[in-house]
PDB file of N, CA and C in Angstrom:
ATOM      1  N   MET A   1      93.259 -34.723 -26.385  1.00  0.00           N
ATOM      2  CA  MET A   1      91.790 -34.588 -25.664  1.00  0.00           C
ATOM      3  C   MET A   1      90.140 -35.051 -25.942  1.00  0.00           C
ATOM      4  N   CYS A   2      90.403 -35.640 -27.112  1.00  0.00           N
ATOM      5  CA  CYS A   2      89.553 -36.661 -28.193  1.00  0.00           C
ATOM      6  C   CYS A   2      89.489 -38.160 -26.866  1.00  0.00           C
ATOM      7  N   ARG A   3      90.300 -39.085 -26.971  1.00  0.00           N
ATOM      8  CA  ARG A   3      90.541 -40.326 -25.836  1.00  0.00           C
ATOM      9  C   ARG A   3      89.730 -40.160 -25.190  1.00  0.00           C
ATOM     10  N   ASN A   4      89.600 -38.899 -24.461  1.00  0.00           N
ATOM     11  CA  ASN A   4      88.194 -38.956 -23.286  1.00  0.00           C
ATOM     12  C   ASN A   4      86.128 -38.640 -23.708  1.00  0.00           C
ATOM     13  N   ILE A   5      85.748 -39.446 -25.373  1.00  0.00           N
ATOM     14  CA  ILE A   5      85.322 -38.577 -26.068  1.00  0.00           C
ATOM     15  C   ILE A   5      84.675 -40.335 -26.021  1.00  0.00           C
ATOM     16  N   ARG A   6      84.073 -41.322 -25.372  1.00  0.00           N
ATOM     17  CA  ARG A   6      83.140 -42.726 -24.973  1.00  0.00           C
ATOM     18  C   ARG A   6      82.529 -42.413 -25.869  1.00  0.00           C
ATOM     19  N   THR A   7      82.049 -44.119 -26.155  1.00  0.00           N
ATOM     20  CA  THR A   7      81.495 -44.988 -27.351  1.00  0.00           C
ATOM     21  C   THR A   7      79.849 -44.027 -26.387  1.00  0.00           C
ATOM     22  N   LEU A   8      79.046 -44.103 -26.672  1.00  0.00           N
ATOM     23  CA  LEU A   8      77.620 -43.681 -25.668  1.00  0.00           C
ATOM     24  C   LEU A   8      76.750 -44.875 -26.167  1.00  0.00           C
ATOM     25  N   PHE A   9      77.107 -45.096 -27.092  1.00  0.00           N
ATOM     26  CA  PHE A   9      75.797 -45.884 -28.111  1.00  0.00           C
ATOM     27  C   PHE A   9      75.636 -47.221 -27.467  1.00  0.00           C
ATOM     28  N   ASN A  10      74.803 -48.422 -27.433  1.00  0.00           N
ATOM     29  CA  ASN A  10      74.177 -49.295 -27.057  1.00  0.00           C
ATOM     30  C   ASN A  10      74.163 -49.970 -25.672  1.00  0.00           C
ATOM     31  N   PHE A  11      74.163 -49.155 -24.517  1.00  0.00           N
ATOM     32  CA  PHE A  11      74.879 -49.356 -23.171  1.00  0.00           C
ATOM     33  C   PHE A  11      73.671 -49.539 -22.483  1.00  0.00           C
ATOM     34  N   ASP A  12      73.781 -50.657 -21.812  1.00  0.00           N
ATOM     35  CA  ASP A  12      72.309 -50.460 -20.825  1.00  0.00           C
ATOM     36  C   ASP A  12      72.577 -49.803 -18.872  1.00  0.00           C
ATOM     37  N   PRO A  13      71.916 -48.983 -18.388  1.00  0.00           N
ATOM     38  CA  PRO A  13      71.704 -47.921 -19.140  1.00  0.00           C
ATOM     39  C   PRO A  13      71.331 -47.579 -19.682  1.00  0.00           C
ATOM     40  N   PRO A  14      70.816 -46.485 -21.010  1.00  0.00           N
ATOM     41  CA  PRO A  14      71.162 -45.680 -21.619  1.00  0.00           C
ATOM     42  C   PRO A  14      72.015 -44.251 -21.240  1.00  0.00           C
ATOM     43  N   ALA A  15      72.515 -43.966 -22.475  1.00  0.00           N
ATOM     44  CA  ALA A  15      73.595 -42.134 -22.149  1.00  0.00           C
ATOM     45  C   ALA A  15      72.821 -42.180 -21.148  1.00  0.00           C
ATOM     46  N   THR A  16      72.952 -40.726 -20.243  1.00  0.00           N
ATOM     47  CA  THR A  16      72.358 -40.293 -20.104  1.00  0.00           C
ATOM     48  C   THR A  16      73.742 -38.465 -20.302  1.00  0.00           C
ATOM     49  N   ASP A  17      72.088 -37.976 -20.002  1.00  0.00           N
ATOM     50  CA  ASP A  17      72.030 -36.092 -20.807  1.00  0.00           C
ATOM     51  C   ASP A  17      73.825 -35.794 -19.876  1.00  0.00           C
ATOM     52  N   GLU A  18      74.595 -35.800 -19.216  1.00  0.00           N
ATOM     53  CA  GLU A  18      75.636 -35.356 -18.803  1.00  0.00           C
ATOM     54  C   GLU A  18      76.378 -35.978 -19.173  1.00  0.00           C
ATOM     55  N   GLU A  19      76.522 -37.659 -19.672  1.00  0.00           N
ATOM     56  CA  GLU A  19      77.561 -38.337 -20.381  1.00  0.00           C
ATOM     57  C   GLU A  19      77.283 -37.908 -22.479  1.00  0.00           C
ATOM     58  N   VAL A  20      76.462 -37.320 -22.198  1.00  0.00           N
ATOM     59  CA  VAL A  20      76.589 -36.813 -23.690  1.00  0.00           C
ATOM     60  C   VAL A  20      76.967 -35.730 -24.083  1.00  0.00           C
ATOM     61  N   HIS A  21      76.574 -34.035 -22.808  1.00  0.00           N
ATOM     62  CA  HIS A  21      77.271 -33.602 -22.256  1.00  0.00           C
ATOM     63  C   HIS A  21      78.615 -33.195 -22.722  1.00  0.00           C
ATOM     64  N   ALA A  22      79.303 -33.541 -21.965  1.00  0.00           N
ATOM     65  CA  ALA A  22      81.213 -33.789 -22.069  1.00  0.00           C
ATOM     66  C   ALA A  22      81.453 -34.136 -23.131  1.00  0.00           C
ATOM     67  N   ALA A  23      80.932 -35.758 -23.673  1.00  0.00           N
ATOM     68  CA  ALA A  23      80.778 -35.277 -25.455  1.00  0.00           C
ATOM     69  C   ALA A  23      81.510 -34.645 -26.429  1.00  0.00           C
ATOM     70  N   ALA A  24      80.167 -33.283 -26.192  1.00  0.00           N
ATOM     71  CA  ALA A  24      80.428 -32.041 -26.925  1.00  0.00           C
ATOM     72  C   ALA A  24      81.418 -31.374 -26.410  1.00  0.00           C
ATOM     73  N   LEU A  25      80.874 -31.156 -25.409  1.00  0.00           N
ATOM     74  CA  LEU A  25      81.581 -30.375 -24.680  1.00  0.00           C
ATOM     75  C   LEU A  25      83.706 -30.882 -25.501  1.00  0.00           C
ATOM     76  N   GLN A  26      84.016 -32.075 -25.407  1.00  0.00           N
ATOM     77  CA  GLN A  26      85.257 -32.510 -25.275  1.00  0.00           C
ATOM     78  C   GLN A  26      85.553 -32.473 -27.190  1.00  0.00           C
ATOM     79  N   PHE A  27      84.609 -32.540 -27.950  1.00  0.00           N
ATOM     80  CA  PHE A  27      84.449 -32.744 -29.154  1.00  0.00           C
ATOM     81  C   PHE A  27      84.605 -31.080 -30.003  1.00  0.00           C
ATOM     82  N   VAL A  28      83.964 -29.806 -29.255  1.00  0.00           N
ATOM     83  CA  VAL A  28      83.660 -28.817 -29.620  1.00  0.00           C
ATOM     84  C   VAL A  28      85.132 -27.791 -29.812  1.00  0.00           C
ATOM     85  N   ARG A  29      85.305 -28.586 -28.052  1.00  0.00           N
ATOM     86  CA  ARG A  29      87.702 -27.860 -27.376  1.00  0.00           C
ATOM     87  C   ARG A  29      88.397 -28.418 -28.622  1.00  0.00           C
ATOM     88  N   LYS A  30      88.085 -29.749 -29.115  1.00  0.00           N
ATOM     89  CA  LYS A  30      89.048 -30.274 -30.360  1.00  0.00           C
ATOM     90  C   LYS A  30      89.434 -29.722 -31.414  1.00  0.00           C
ATOM     91  N   LEU A  31      87.254 -29.093 -31.590  1.00  0.00           N
ATOM     92  CA  LEU A  31      87.483 -28.990 -32.899  1.00  0.00           C
ATOM     93  C   LEU A  31      88.033 -26.947 -32.560  1.00  0.00           C
ATOM     94  N   SER A  32      87.672 -26.633 -32.113  1.00  0.00           N
ATOM     95  CA  SER A  32      87.947 -25.133 -31.534  1.00  0.00           C
ATOM     96  C   SER A  32      90.043 -25.029 -31.247  1.00  0.00           C
ATOM     97  N   GLY A  33      90.505 -26.037 -30.669  1.00  0.00           N
ATOM     98  CA  GLY A  33      91.589 -25.671 -30.356  1.00  0.00           C
ATOM     99  C   GLY A  33      91.949 -25.788 -29.502  1.00  0.00           C
ATOM    100  N   SER A  34      90.751 -25.472 -28.483  1.00  0.00           N
ATOM    101  CA  SER A  34      91.190 -24.531 -27.090  1.00  0.00           C
ATOM    102  C   SER A  34      90.208 -25.244 -25.756  1.00  0.00           C
ATOM    103  N   THR A  35      90.362 -25.247 -24.476  1.00  0.00           N
ATOM    104  CA  THR A  35      90.281 -26.080 -23.756  1.00  0.00           C
ATOM    105  C   THR A  35      88.435 -24.798 -23.141  1.00  0.00           C
ATOM    106  N   MET A  36      89.394 -23.596 -23.119  1.00  0.00           N
ATOM    107  CA  MET A  36      88.851 -22.574 -22.908  1.00  0.00           C
ATOM    108  C   MET A  36      88.597 -21.027 -23.158  1.00  0.00           C
ATOM    109  N   PRO A  37      87.538 -20.573 -24.048  1.00  0.00           N
ATOM    110  CA  PRO A  37      87.924 -19.451 -24.578  1.00  0.00           C
ATOM    111  C   PRO A  37      87.292 -18.521 -24.247  1.00  0.00           C
ATOM    112  N   SER A  38      88.298 -17.726 -24.526  1.00  0.00           N
ATOM    113  CA  SER A  38      88.044 -16.054 -24.407  1.00  0.00           C
ATOM    114  C   SER A  38      87.103 -16.079 -23.837  1.00  0.00           C
ATOM    115  N   LYS A  39      86.623 -14.160 -22.723  1.00  0.00           N
ATOM    116  CA  LYS A  39      85.124 -14.081 -23.215  1.00  0.00           C
ATOM    117  C   LYS A  39      84.963 -13.731 -24.208  1.00  0.00           C
ATOM    118  N   ALA A  40      85.236 -12.655 -25.116  1.00  0.00           N
ATOM    119  CA  ALA A  40      85.051 -12.897 -26.978  1.00  0.00           C
ATOM    120  C   ALA A  40      84.171 -13.549 -27.562  1.00  0.00           C
ATOM    121  N   ASN A  41      84.402 -15.133 -26.787  1.00  0.00           N
ATOM    122  CA  ASN A  41      84.483 -16.257 -28.450  1.00  0.00           C
ATOM    123  C   ASN A  41      83.408 -17.576 -26.805  1.00  0.00           C
ATOM    124  N   GLU A  42      83.481 -16.999 -25.957  1.00  0.00           N
ATOM    125  CA  GLU A  42      82.509 -18.222 -24.693  1.00  0.00           C
ATOM    126  C   GLU A  42      80.850 -18.915 -25.339  1.00  0.00           C
ATOM    127  N   GLN A  43      80.362 -17.056 -26.070  1.00  0.00           N
ATOM    128  CA  GLN A  43      79.336 -17.175 -25.641  1.00  0.00           C
ATOM    129  C   GLN A  43      79.074 -18.733 -27.337  1.00  0.00           C
ATOM    130  N   ALA A  44      79.923 -18.475 -28.161  1.00  0.00           N
ATOM    131  CA  ALA A  44      79.610 -19.030 -29.581  1.00  0.00           C
ATOM    132  C   ALA A  44      80.167 -20.560 -29.176  1.00  0.00           C
ATOM    133  N   PHE A  45      81.038 -20.559 -27.773  1.00  0.00           N
ATOM    134  CA  PHE A  45      81.380 -22.172 -27.560  1.00  0.00           C
ATOM    135  C   PHE A  45      79.995 -22.562 -27.110  1.00  0.00           C
ATOM    136  N   GLU A  46      79.522 -21.641 -25.975  1.00  0.00           N
ATOM    137  CA  GLU A  46      78.477 -22.550 -25.063  1.00  0.00           C
ATOM    138  C   GLU A  46      76.871 -23.348 -26.006  1.00  0.00           C
ATOM    139  N   VAL A  47      77.074 -22.374 -27.239  1.00  0.00           N
ATOM    140  CA  VAL A  47      76.354 -22.647 -27.822  1.00  0.00           C
ATOM    141  C   VAL A  47      76.706 -24.021 -29.476  1.00  0.00           C
ATOM    142  N   ALA A  48      77.804 -23.899 -30.026  1.00  0.00           N
ATOM    143  CA  ALA A  48      78.512 -24.555 -29.836  1.00  0.00           C
ATOM    144  C   ALA A  48      78.138 -26.330 -29.010  1.00  0.00           C
ATOM    145  N   VAL A  49      78.369 -26.068 -27.993  1.00  0.00           N
ATOM    146  CA  VAL A  49      78.167 -27.353 -27.058  1.00  0.00           C
ATOM    147  C   VAL A  49      76.737 -28.367 -26.546  1.00  0.00           C
ATOM    148  N   GLU A  50      75.894 -26.703 -26.327  1.00  0.00           N
ATOM    149  CA  GLU A  50      74.227 -27.078 -26.501  1.00  0.00           C
ATOM    150  C   GLU A  50      74.137 -28.016 -28.272  1.00  0.00           C
ATOM    151  N   GLU A  51      74.157 -27.334 -29.132  1.00  0.00           N
ATOM    152  CA  GLU A  51      73.844 -27.518 -30.511  1.00  0.00           C
ATOM    153  C   GLU A  51      74.594 -29.297 -30.810  1.00  0.00           C
ATOM    154  N   THR A  52      75.889 -29.076 -29.956  1.00  0.00           N
ATOM    155  CA  THR A  52      76.570 -30.807 -30.281  1.00  0.00           C
ATOM    156  C   THR A  52      75.907 -31.982 -29.929  1.00  0.00           C
ATOM    157  N   ALA A  53      75.414 -31.128 -28.078  1.00  0.00           N
ATOM    158  CA  ALA A  53      75.025 -32.067 -27.463  1.00  0.00           C
ATOM    159  C   ALA A  53      73.601 -33.015 -27.724  1.00  0.00           C
ATOM    160  N   ALA A  54      72.903 -31.685 -28.574  1.00  0.00           N
ATOM    161  CA  ALA A  54      71.728 -32.380 -28.957  1.00  0.00           C
ATOM    162  C   ALA A  54      71.476 -32.663 -29.907  1.00  0.00           C
ATOM    163  N   VAL A  55      72.332 -32.414 -31.648  1.00  0.00           N
ATOM    164  CA  VAL A  55      72.502 -33.203 -32.531  1.00  0.00           C
ATOM    165  C   VAL A  55      73.351 -34.544 -32.002  1.00  0.00           C
ATOM    166  N   ALA A  56      73.808 -34.390 -30.744  1.00  0.00           N
ATOM    167  CA  ALA A  56      74.431 -36.256 -30.553  1.00  0.00           C
ATOM    168  C   ALA A  56      74.078 -37.341 -29.981  1.00  0.00           C
ATOM    169  N   ARG A  57      72.395 -35.973 -29.464  1.00  0.00           N
ATOM    170  CA  ARG A  57      71.835 -36.936 -28.032  1.00  0.00           C
ATOM    171  C   ARG A  57      70.582 -37.373 -29.214  1.00  0.00           C
ATOM    172  N   LYS A  58      70.062 -36.574 -30.301  1.00  0.00           N
ATOM    173  CA  LYS A  58      69.196 -36.797 -31.645  1.00  0.00           C
ATOM    174  C   LYS A  58      69.525 -37.968 -32.058  1.00  0.00           C
ATOM    175  N   LEU A  59      71.142 -38.582 -32.418  1.00  0.00           N
ATOM    176  CA  LEU A  59      71.556 -39.213 -33.090  1.00  0.00           C
ATOM    177  C   LEU A  59      71.250 -40.865 -32.779  1.00  0.00           C
ATOM    178  N   LEU A  60      71.991 -41.132 -31.215  1.00  0.00           N
ATOM    179  CA  LEU A  60      71.693 -41.839 -30.411  1.00  0.00           C
ATOM    180  C   LEU A  60      70.263 -42.326 -29.896  1.00  0.00           C
ATOM    181  N   ASP A  61      69.782 -41.182 -29.937  1.00  0.00           N
ATOM    182  CA  ASP A  61      68.069 -42.503 -29.622  1.00  0.00           C
ATOM    183  C   ASP A  61      67.055 -42.664 -31.085  1.00  0.00           C
ATOM    184  N   SER A  62      68.348 -42.222 -31.917  1.00  0.00           N
ATOM    185  CA  SER A  62      67.639 -42.942 -34.003  1.00  0.00           C
ATOM    186  C   SER A  62      68.091 -43.935 -34.465  1.00  0.00           C
ATOM    187  N   LEU A  63      69.608 -44.321 -33.013  1.00  0.00           N
ATOM    188  CA  LEU A  63      70.823 -45.035 -33.658  1.00  0.00           C
ATOM    189  C   LEU A  63      69.434 -46.602 -33.271  1.00  0.00           C
ATOM    190  N   VAL A  64      69.747 -47.796 -34.539  1.00  0.00           N
ATOM    191  CA  VAL A  64      68.958 -48.856 -33.172  1.00  0.00           C
ATOM    192  C   VAL A  64      69.923 -50.175 -34.075  1.00  0.00           C
ATOM    193  N   THR A  65      69.643 -51.210 -33.235  1.00  0.00           N
ATOM    194  CA  THR A  65      71.167 -52.150 -33.062  1.00  0.00           C
ATOM    195  C   THR A  65      69.656 -53.872 -32.836  1.00  0.00           C
ATOM    196  N   THR A  66      70.693 -55.190 -32.691  1.00  0.00           N
ATOM    197  CA  THR A  66      70.689 -56.044 -32.854  1.00  0.00           C
ATOM    198  C   THR A  66      70.974 -56.359 -31.821  1.00  0.00           C
ATOM    199  N   ALA A  67      72.232 -56.066 -31.665  1.00  0.00           N
ATOM    200  CA  ALA A  67      73.435 -56.112 -30.642  1.00  0.00           C
ATOM    201  C   ALA A  67      72.857 -55.829 -29.469  1.00  0.00           C
ATOM    202  N   PRO A  68      73.263 -57.219 -28.522  1.00  0.00           N
ATOM    203  CA  PRO A  68      72.432 -56.636 -26.840  1.00  0.00           C
ATOM    204  C   PRO A  68      73.051 -55.492 -26.256  1.00  0.00           C
ATOM    205  N   PRO A  69      72.438 -54.333 -25.013  1.00  0.00           N
ATOM    206  CA  PRO A  69      73.701 -54.129 -24.384  1.00  0.00           C
ATOM    207  C   PRO A  69      75.168 -53.966 -24.026  1.00  0.00           C
ATOM    208  N   ARG A  70      75.699 -53.347 -24.644  1.00  0.00           N
ATOM    209  CA  ARG A  70      76.950 -53.646 -23.574  1.00  0.00           C
ATOM    210  C   ARG A  70      76.589 -52.957 -21.705  1.00  0.00           C
ATOM    211  N   ASP A  71      77.635 -53.916 -21.367  1.00  0.00           N
ATOM    212  CA  ASP A  71      77.232 -53.498 -20.034  1.00  0.00           C
ATOM    213  C   ASP A  71      78.322 -52.912 -19.521  1.00  0.00           C
ATOM    214  N   ARG A  72      78.601 -51.597 -19.007  1.00  0.00           N
ATOM    215  CA  ARG A  72      79.309 -51.390 -18.534  1.00  0.00           C
ATOM    216  C   ARG A  72      80.529 -51.243 -17.320  1.00  0.00           C
ATOM    217  N   ASP A  73      80.497 -51.918 -16.350  1.00  0.00           N
ATOM    218  CA  ASP A  73      81.383 -52.686 -15.839  1.00  0.00           C
ATOM    219  C   ASP A  73      81.907 -53.124 -16.580  1.00  0.00           C
ATOM    220  N   VAL A  74      81.701 -54.333 -17.484  1.00  0.00           N
ATOM    221  CA  VAL A  74      82.702 -55.190 -18.253  1.00  0.00           C
ATOM    222  C   VAL A  74      83.320 -53.840 -19.060  1.00  0.00           C
ATOM    223  N   GLU A  75      82.721 -53.474 -19.297  1.00  0.00           N
ATOM    224  CA  GLU A  75      83.295 -52.223 -20.489  1.00  0.00           C
ATOM    225  C   GLU A  75      85.074 -51.432 -20.206  1.00  0.00           C
ATOM    226  N   LEU A  76      84.466 -51.065 -18.768  1.00  0.00           N
ATOM    227  CA  LEU A  76      85.181 -50.655 -17.989  1.00  0.00           C
ATOM    228  C   LEU A  76      86.014 -51.389 -17.431  1.00  0.00           C
ATOM    229  N   ALA A  77      85.676 -52.566 -17.335  1.00  0.00           N
ATOM    230  CA  ALA A  77      86.989 -54.206 -16.563  1.00  0.00           C
ATOM    231  C   ALA A  77      88.111 -53.900 -17.811  1.00  0.00           C
ATOM    232  N   LYS A  78      87.546 -54.698 -19.378  1.00  0.00           N
ATOM    233  CA  LYS A  78      88.262 -54.206 -20.602  1.00  0.00           C
ATOM    234  C   LYS A  78      88.735 -53.541 -20.809  1.00  0.00           C
ATOM    235  N   ALA A  79      88.724 -51.797 -20.316  1.00  0.00           N
ATOM    236  CA  ALA A  79      89.671 -51.167 -21.000  1.00  0.00           C
ATOM    237  C   ALA A  79      91.265 -51.006 -19.338  1.00  0.00           C
ATOM    238  N   ARG A  80      90.513 -51.223 -18.344  1.00  0.00           N
ATOM    239  CA  ARG A  80      91.821 -51.207 -17.143  1.00  0.00           C
ATOM    240  C   ARG A  80      92.302 -51.920 -17.604  1.00  0.00           C
ATOM    241  N   ALA A  81      92.171 -53.583 -18.813  1.00  0.00           N
ATOM    242  CA  ALA A  81      92.622 -54.295 -19.270  1.00  0.00           C
ATOM    243  C   ALA A  81      94.214 -53.715 -20.428  1.00  0.00           C
ATOM    244  N   ARG A  82      93.581 -52.875 -21.107  1.00  0.00           N
ATOM    245  CA  ARG A  82      94.025 -52.842 -21.828  1.00  0.00           C
ATOM    246  C   ARG A  82      94.913 -51.900 -22.146  1.00  0.00           C
ATOM    247  N   ASN A  83      94.671 -50.807 -20.516  1.00  0.00           N
ATOM    248  CA  ASN A  83      95.536 -50.477 -20.149  1.00  0.00           C
ATOM    249  C   ASN A  83      96.628 -51.001 -19.078  1.00  0.00           C
ATOM    250  N   ALA A  84      96.534 -51.842 -18.210  1.00  0.00           N
ATOM    251  CA  ALA A  84      96.941 -52.342 -18.185  1.00  0.00           C
ATOM    252  C   ALA A  84      98.509 -52.875 -18.776  1.00  0.00           C
ATOM    253  N   LYS A  85      97.844 -53.377 -20.195  1.00  0.00           N
ATOM    254  CA  LYS A  85      99.081 -54.371 -20.752  1.00  0.00           C
ATOM    255  C   LYS A  85      99.270 -53.137 -21.344  1.00  0.00           C
ATOM    256  N   ARG A  86      98.816 -51.896 -22.409  1.00  0.00           N
ATOM    257  CA  ARG A  86      99.433 -50.476 -23.279  1.00  0.00           C
ATOM    258  C   ARG A  86     101.087 -50.312 -21.733  1.00  0.00           C
ATOM    259  N   PHE A  87     100.188 -49.522 -21.196  1.00  0.00           N
ATOM    260  CA  PHE A  87     101.651 -49.147 -20.521  1.00  0.00           C
ATOM    261  C   PHE A  87     102.428 -49.769 -19.166  1.00  0.00           C
ATOM    262  N   GLY A  88     101.765 -51.111 -18.626  1.00  0.00           N
ATOM    263  CA  GLY A  88     102.542 -51.878 -18.206  1.00  0.00           C
ATOM    264  C   GLY A  88     102.229 -51.635 -16.305  1.00  0.00           C
ATOM    265  N   ARG A  89     100.900 -50.990 -16.168  1.00  0.00           N
ATOM    266  CA  ARG A  89     100.611 -51.135 -14.692  1.00  0.00           C
ATOM    267  C   ARG A  89      99.488 -52.189 -14.480  1.00  0.00           C
ATOM    268  N   PRO A  90     100.188 -51.962 -13.617  1.00  0.00           N
ATOM    269  CA  PRO A  90      98.478 -53.134 -12.218  1.00  0.00           C
ATOM    270  C   PRO A  90      97.349 -52.845 -12.639  1.00  0.00           C
ATOM    271  N   GLU A  91      96.292 -53.602 -13.359  1.00  0.00           N
ATOM    272  CA  GLU A  91      95.370 -53.281 -13.088  1.00  0.00           C
ATOM    273  C   GLU A  91      94.622 -52.881 -11.912  1.00  0.00           C
ATOM    274  N   ALA A  92      93.385 -51.435 -11.466  1.00  0.00           N
ATOM    275  CA  ALA A  92      93.295 -51.368 -10.854  1.00  0.00           C
ATOM    276  C   ALA A  92      92.160 -52.153  -9.838  1.00  0.00           C
ATOM    277  N   GLY A  93      92.578 -52.142  -8.460  1.00  0.00           N
ATOM    278  CA  GLY A  93      91.788 -53.119  -7.818  1.00  0.00           C
ATOM    279  C   GLY A  93      92.764 -54.188  -7.654  1.00  0.00           C
ATOM    280  N   SER A  94      93.714 -54.529  -8.355  1.00  0.00           N
ATOM    281  CA  SER A  94      94.512 -55.816  -8.103  1.00  0.00           C
ATOM    282  C   SER A  94      94.935 -56.029  -7.362  1.00  0.00           C
TER     283      SER A  94
END
């Protein structure tokens, strides 16, 4: 599950609230060991996701760096190249 959590800091444009929420959802799923909580735990699960997303957003907004922002398309191409090497598959779009 955690492999779906992506680095969100220092990108241009900055991470969206949807990306932060998706990362928070994956984190809570990993902690709870459940992708779909029971009805009894649904409320606690949703509160945890919202609170985790708020803390993550606060963290991202407070971090500083002198490094230039990364380009999402360049990082995606690098990831695809790593995956092609790792899994022996041709890169997408090749």
